[in-house]
Protein backbone atom coordinates (compact mmCIF):
# COMPACT_ATOMS: atom_id res chain seq x y z
CA UNK A 1 0.00 0.00 0.00
CA UNK A 2 2.83 2.36 0.90
CA UNK A 3 4.50 1.90 -2.51
CA UNK A 4 1.23 2.77 -4.29
CA UNK A 5 0.88 6.00 -2.28
CA UNK A 6 4.52 6.80 -2.99
CA UNK A 7 3.97 6.31 -6.72
CA UNK A 8 0.88 8.53 -6.67
CA UNK A 9 2.83 11.23 -4.86
CA UNK A 10 5.58 11.08 -7.47
CA UNK A 11 3.02 11.44 -10.28
CA UNK A 12 1.31 14.35 -8.53
CA UNK A 13 4.63 16.07 -7.87
CA UNK A 14 5.62 15.57 -11.51
CA UNK A 15 2.31 17.05 -12.72
CA UNK A 16 2.62 20.03 -10.38
CA UNK A 17 6.23 20.54 -11.44
CA UNK A 18 5.29 20.63 -15.14
CA UNK A 19 2.31 22.90 -14.52
CA UNK A 20 4.40 25.30 -12.44
CA UNK A 21 6.95 25.87 -15.17
CA UNK A 22 5.21 25.11 -18.45
CA UNK A 23 2.36 27.55 -17.84
CA UNK A 24 4.95 30.35 -17.77
CA UNK A 25 5.93 31.14 -21.39
CA UNK A 26 9.66 30.93 -21.98
CA UNK A 27 10.35 32.72 -25.22
CA UNK A 28 12.98 31.84 -27.77
CA UNK A 29 15.29 34.83 -28.17
CA UNK A 30 17.69 34.73 -31.11
CA UNK A 31 20.48 36.48 -29.17
CA UNK A 32 20.24 33.88 -26.42
CA UNK A 33 20.41 30.99 -28.87
CA UNK A 34 23.44 32.42 -30.70
CA UNK A 35 25.23 33.12 -27.42
CA UNK A 36 28.11 30.61 -27.23
CA UNK A 37 26.79 28.85 -30.35
CA UNK A 38 29.67 26.89 -31.87
CA UNK A 39 28.78 26.21 -35.51
CA UNK A 40 30.36 26.71 -38.92
CA UNK A 41 27.22 27.16 -41.05
CA UNK A 42 24.00 26.38 -39.18
CA UNK A 43 22.66 29.37 -37.27
CA UNK A 44 24.78 32.01 -39.00
CA UNK A 45 21.58 34.05 -38.84
CA UNK A 46 18.69 33.27 -36.49
CA UNK A 47 15.31 34.97 -36.61
CA UNK A 48 12.29 34.29 -34.42
CA UNK A 49 8.59 34.88 -34.99
CA UNK A 50 5.86 34.93 -32.36
CA UNK A 51 3.34 33.42 -34.79
CA UNK A 52 3.24 32.44 -38.47
CA UNK A 53 1.43 30.03 -40.76
CA UNK A 54 4.58 27.93 -41.10
CA UNK A 55 8.30 28.62 -40.95
CA UNK A 56 8.45 26.81 -44.31
CA UNK A 57 6.31 29.57 -45.84
CA UNK A 58 8.75 32.22 -44.63
CA UNK A 59 11.74 30.15 -45.78
CA UNK A 60 10.34 29.78 -49.31
CA UNK A 61 10.15 33.55 -49.66
CA UNK A 62 13.56 34.05 -48.09
CA UNK A 63 15.10 31.52 -50.50
CA UNK A 64 14.63 34.02 -53.34
CA UNK A 65 16.72 36.68 -51.60
CA UNK A 66 20.41 36.98 -50.76
CA UNK A 67 19.99 35.22 -47.41
CA UNK A 68 22.97 34.04 -45.40
CA UNK A 69 23.65 30.32 -45.74
CA UNK A 70 22.57 28.46 -42.61
CA UNK A 71 19.79 30.89 -41.70
CA UNK A 72 17.34 29.46 -39.16
CA UNK A 73 13.75 30.65 -38.75
CA UNK A 74 12.07 29.84 -35.42
CA UNK A 75 8.38 30.30 -34.63
CA UNK A 76 6.69 30.13 -31.24
CA UNK A 77 3.45 29.16 -32.95
CA UNK A 78 2.52 27.78 -36.37
CA UNK A 79 -1.11 28.10 -37.40
CA UNK A 80 -0.59 25.73 -40.33
CA UNK A 81 2.53 23.72 -39.52
CA UNK A 82 3.52 21.25 -42.23
CA UNK A 83 4.51 17.62 -41.92
CA UNK A 84 5.45 14.98 -44.46
CA UNK A 85 2.85 13.82 -47.05
CA UNK A 86 0.75 16.96 -46.46
CA UNK A 87 0.10 16.08 -42.82
CA UNK A 88 -0.33 18.98 -40.40
CA UNK A 89 1.98 19.49 -37.43
CA UNK A 90 0.43 21.04 -34.32
CA UNK A 91 2.29 22.21 -31.22
CA UNK A 92 0.98 24.66 -28.57
CA UNK A 93 2.54 28.11 -28.42
CA UNK A 94 5.85 28.40 -26.51
CA UNK A 95 5.96 24.61 -26.04
CA UNK A 96 8.11 23.31 -28.89
CA UNK A 97 11.05 23.85 -31.19
CA UNK A 98 9.56 24.72 -34.57
CA UNK A 99 11.99 25.96 -37.19
CA UNK A 100 13.24 25.83 -40.75
CA UNK A 101 16.91 25.79 -41.76
CA UNK A 102 17.95 27.09 -45.19
CA UNK A 103 21.01 25.53 -46.80
CA UNK A 104 22.72 26.32 -50.10
CA UNK A 105 24.12 22.99 -51.14
CA UNK A 106 25.00 21.31 -54.45
CA UNK A 107 23.87 17.88 -53.31
CA UNK A 108 22.20 15.75 -55.98
CA UNK A 109 18.40 15.54 -55.59
CA UNK A 110 18.74 11.73 -55.32
CA UNK A 111 20.30 12.35 -51.89
CA UNK A 112 17.29 14.23 -50.55
CA UNK A 113 16.34 11.27 -48.36
CA UNK A 114 19.91 11.11 -47.06
CA UNK A 115 19.62 14.74 -45.96
CA UNK A 116 16.40 13.86 -44.11
CA UNK A 117 18.23 11.03 -42.37
CA UNK A 118 21.17 13.25 -41.50
CA UNK A 119 18.87 15.68 -39.70
CA UNK A 120 16.95 12.84 -38.02
CA UNK A 121 20.25 11.47 -36.72
CA UNK A 122 21.18 14.95 -35.43
CA UNK A 123 17.91 15.28 -33.50
CA UNK A 124 18.04 11.75 -32.10
CA UNK A 125 21.64 12.09 -30.98
CA UNK A 126 20.92 15.46 -29.34
CA UNK A 127 17.98 14.06 -27.35
CA UNK A 128 20.02 11.05 -26.26
CA UNK A 129 23.09 13.05 -25.26
CA UNK A 130 21.41 16.05 -23.58
CA UNK A 131 18.35 14.42 -21.98
CA UNK A 132 19.42 10.75 -21.88
CA UNK A 133 16.12 9.67 -23.40
CA UNK A 134 15.98 6.59 -25.71
CA UNK A 135 15.05 8.49 -28.88
CA UNK A 136 14.78 6.45 -32.09
CA UNK A 137 14.03 7.02 -35.77
CA UNK A 138 11.19 5.51 -37.76
CA UNK A 139 12.46 5.71 -41.32
CA UNK A 140 12.74 8.18 -42.81
CA UNK A 141 11.76 11.16 -40.67
CA UNK A 142 9.86 10.42 -37.44
CA UNK A 143 11.53 10.85 -34.04
CA UNK A 144 10.09 8.42 -31.51
CA UNK A 145 10.46 7.73 -27.81
CA UNK A 146 9.03 4.42 -26.65
CA UNK A 147 6.98 4.16 -29.85
CA UNK A 148 5.46 7.63 -29.46
CA UNK A 149 6.20 10.50 -31.81
CA UNK A 150 8.06 13.47 -30.33
CA UNK A 151 9.21 15.15 -33.51
CA UNK A 152 9.78 15.00 -37.22
CA UNK A 153 11.71 16.32 -40.20
CA UNK A 154 10.49 17.73 -43.51
CA UNK A 155 12.89 18.54 -46.36
CA UNK A 156 11.86 20.49 -49.46
CA UNK A 157 13.66 22.03 -52.44
CA UNK A 158 13.36 25.58 -53.68
CA UNK A 159 15.10 27.32 -56.57
CA UNK A 160 16.76 30.49 -55.31
CA UNK A 161 18.60 33.29 -57.05
CA UNK A 162 20.23 32.22 -60.33
CA UNK A 163 18.29 28.93 -60.04
CA UNK A 164 20.53 27.72 -57.21
CA UNK A 165 19.08 24.77 -55.29
CA UNK A 166 18.09 25.68 -51.75
CA UNK A 167 17.26 22.98 -49.22
CA UNK A 168 14.55 23.91 -46.72
CA UNK A 169 14.77 21.71 -43.64
CA UNK A 170 11.75 21.89 -41.38
CA UNK A 171 12.02 20.52 -37.84
CA UNK A 172 9.24 20.17 -35.29
CA UNK A 173 9.78 18.85 -31.77
CA UNK A 174 7.30 18.69 -28.89
CA UNK A 175 9.35 19.95 -25.96
CA UNK A 176 7.28 21.23 -23.00
CA UNK A 177 3.89 19.96 -24.12
CA UNK A 178 1.78 18.35 -21.38
CA UNK A 179 -0.41 15.31 -21.97
CA UNK A 180 -3.76 17.09 -22.28
CA UNK A 181 -2.27 19.31 -25.01
CA UNK A 182 -1.23 16.43 -27.28
CA UNK A 183 -3.24 15.88 -30.47
CA UNK A 184 -5.54 12.89 -30.17
CA UNK A 185 -5.94 11.66 -33.75
CA UNK A 186 -2.49 11.03 -35.19
CA UNK A 187 -0.80 8.28 -37.21
CA UNK A 188 1.39 7.54 -34.20
CA UNK A 189 0.66 8.19 -30.51
CA UNK A 190 2.26 11.50 -29.56
CA UNK A 191 4.49 12.54 -26.67
CA UNK A 192 6.85 15.35 -25.67
CA UNK A 193 10.36 15.53 -24.28
CA UNK A 194 9.07 16.97 -20.99
CA UNK A 195 6.57 14.13 -20.55
CA UNK A 196 9.27 11.52 -21.15
CA UNK A 197 11.87 13.43 -19.14
CA UNK A 198 9.41 14.16 -16.30
CA UNK A 199 10.98 17.59 -16.06
CA UNK A 200 10.72 21.02 -17.65
CA UNK A 201 13.28 21.56 -20.44
CA UNK A 202 15.15 24.76 -21.24
CA UNK A 203 14.24 25.24 -24.90
CA UNK A 204 17.03 27.74 -25.56
CA UNK A 205 19.74 25.37 -24.35
CA UNK A 206 18.17 22.52 -26.29
CA UNK A 207 17.94 24.64 -29.45
CA UNK A 208 21.61 25.58 -29.18
CA UNK A 209 22.67 21.94 -28.65
CA UNK A 210 20.53 20.82 -31.58
CA UNK A 211 21.86 23.43 -33.99
CA UNK A 212 25.42 22.46 -33.07
CA UNK A 213 24.67 18.79 -33.73
CA UNK A 214 22.94 19.57 -37.03
CA UNK A 215 26.00 21.59 -38.04
CA UNK A 216 28.30 18.69 -37.15
CA UNK A 217 26.32 16.13 -39.15
CA UNK A 218 25.80 18.52 -42.05
CA UNK A 219 29.59 18.90 -42.28
CA UNK A 220 29.87 15.09 -42.45
CA UNK A 221 27.28 15.08 -45.25
CA UNK A 222 29.00 17.91 -47.10
CA UNK A 223 32.29 15.97 -46.94
CA UNK A 224 30.43 13.02 -48.51
CA UNK A 225 30.98 10.56 -45.67
CA UNK A 226 27.64 9.00 -46.55
CA UNK A 227 28.24 5.56 -45.08
CA UNK A 228 29.15 7.08 -41.72
CA UNK A 229 25.74 8.77 -41.71
CA UNK A 230 23.79 5.67 -42.74
CA UNK A 231 25.56 3.51 -40.14
CA UNK A 232 24.51 5.92 -37.39
CA UNK A 233 21.04 6.11 -38.91
CA UNK A 234 20.76 2.29 -38.81
CA UNK A 235 21.86 2.29 -35.19
CA UNK A 236 18.92 4.54 -34.27
CA UNK A 237 16.39 3.18 -36.78
CA UNK A 238 13.61 0.89 -35.49
CA UNK A 239 12.58 0.00 -39.05
CA UNK A 240 15.67 -2.14 -39.72
CA UNK A 241 14.90 -5.86 -39.59
CA UNK A 242 11.12 -5.36 -39.69
CA UNK A 243 8.81 -6.97 -42.20
CA UNK A 244 6.58 -4.25 -43.58
CA UNK A 245 4.28 -3.14 -46.33
CA UNK A 246 5.04 0.14 -48.04
CA UNK A 247 3.38 2.20 -50.74
CA UNK A 248 5.63 3.61 -53.45
CA UNK A 249 4.19 5.69 -56.30
CA UNK A 250 0.78 4.07 -55.78
CA UNK A 251 2.03 0.45 -55.64
CA UNK A 252 2.31 -1.75 -52.55
CA UNK A 253 5.34 -3.88 -51.70
CA UNK A 254 5.90 -6.26 -48.78
CA UNK A 255 9.25 -7.47 -47.50
CA UNK A 256 11.91 -7.31 -44.81
CA UNK A 257 14.08 -4.21 -44.31
CA UNK A 258 17.72 -5.25 -44.59
CA UNK A 259 19.65 -1.97 -44.83
CA UNK A 260 19.73 1.74 -45.63
CA UNK A 261 21.49 2.58 -48.90
CA UNK A 262 24.20 5.21 -49.30
CA UNK A 263 21.63 7.71 -50.57
CA UNK A 264 19.30 7.06 -47.63
CA UNK A 265 16.94 4.68 -49.40
CA UNK A 266 15.24 1.80 -47.61
CA UNK A 267 16.53 -1.58 -48.85
CA UNK A 268 13.76 -4.14 -48.81
CA UNK A 269 14.06 -7.86 -49.54
CA UNK A 270 10.68 -8.56 -51.12
CA UNK A 271 8.79 -11.80 -50.53
CA UNK A 272 9.89 -12.81 -54.06
CA UNK A 273 13.54 -12.56 -52.97
CA UNK A 274 14.20 -9.44 -55.03
CA UNK A 275 15.99 -6.56 -53.28
CA UNK A 276 14.48 -3.16 -54.02
CA UNK A 277 15.48 0.31 -52.77
CA UNK A 278 12.80 2.88 -51.94
CA UNK A 279 13.44 6.60 -51.59
CA UNK A 280 11.72 8.41 -48.75
CA UNK A 281 10.18 11.22 -50.77
CA UNK A 282 8.10 8.74 -52.78
CA UNK A 283 7.43 6.12 -50.11
CA UNK A 284 4.99 5.68 -47.23
CA UNK A 285 5.38 2.92 -44.64
CA UNK A 286 1.86 1.47 -44.50
CA UNK A 287 2.20 -1.25 -41.87
CA UNK A 288 4.62 -3.42 -39.97
CA UNK A 289 3.51 -7.03 -40.10
CA UNK A 290 5.25 -8.18 -36.91
CA UNK A 291 2.96 -6.23 -34.60
CA UNK A 292 0.08 -5.19 -36.89
CA UNK A 293 0.53 -1.52 -36.02
CA UNK A 294 -0.40 0.89 -38.75
CA UNK A 295 2.11 3.63 -39.53
C-alpha cells in the first residue's frame, strides 16, 4: 500500500512541477540561442517569430533573396505547420522547437532522403546526449520515444537566385507539451520531451545543442561521408529488420528491411527474394507485419 501511495505522490509532484513551469511562457530569443553557439554554417543568422502560418512559408520567400547560408527561422506558434505527405503538425505556443533551416548545397536531388536522415540522426543524438532519453528514428523522418512521436523532419527544395538549389529543412519537436495538449488523432501516438523526461526543459539550451549537432552532421554530409551517416542512422532506426508493407508511387510492396542505402533509401528484400530500394520522398510505410501496427 505504501509503494502505491509513494507512486501517486511522485506522479502528482511531476504534474505540479510541469504545470508550475510550463504555464509560464519561456520565449525563444535569437540572441540567447546564438550566445556561445559553436557552428560553422547552421545558425549564421537566427530569426524568431511569435506566430506564423509555417516557418516553411517564410523560408520559401527568403530563399529568393540573398539570405545568409545556414539561416534558421524559429516560430513560437505555427497556425498551419507542415509535416510529411501533407500532414499537419500542431504544437501549442511556446511549447516546442519549430523551425526551418535554409542551406545552399550542391547535393544531388537523389540524396534528398539522405539529408532527411542526416537531420533525423542529429535530433536523435541530441535528445540522447542532452536528456538521456531513448530516442529512435522511424524511417525516414519520425523521431520516436518508446513508440510515441516526439518530432519529425520535412525537407523540401526551392530554386533560389540564379536557379541555385536551396534545401529547406523543417524541424518540429514537442518539448514542453503536457499530456492534455497532445493531439488525439495522429498516425502515431504523440508525446513530448518533458513528458518523457518528467521535467521542464530549457528550450534555448536545447535549441543551441541541436543546432550544433545539425551543423556537425551537415559537415559530415557535405564531406560526402555518406556511409558514416547511414551507419549511425541504422543504429537509431527501429525499421531495420522489420517486415513491412510500403506504398511507393501508388504500388504496394511487402518485404523485410535489410539496410539503408548510401543515398538514404530503404533496402527491402521482397517476398519474391528481389531486393528493391525505396526513396523516402516517394514512399509511405503502411504497416509493420510483426505487430500489426499501422504507420
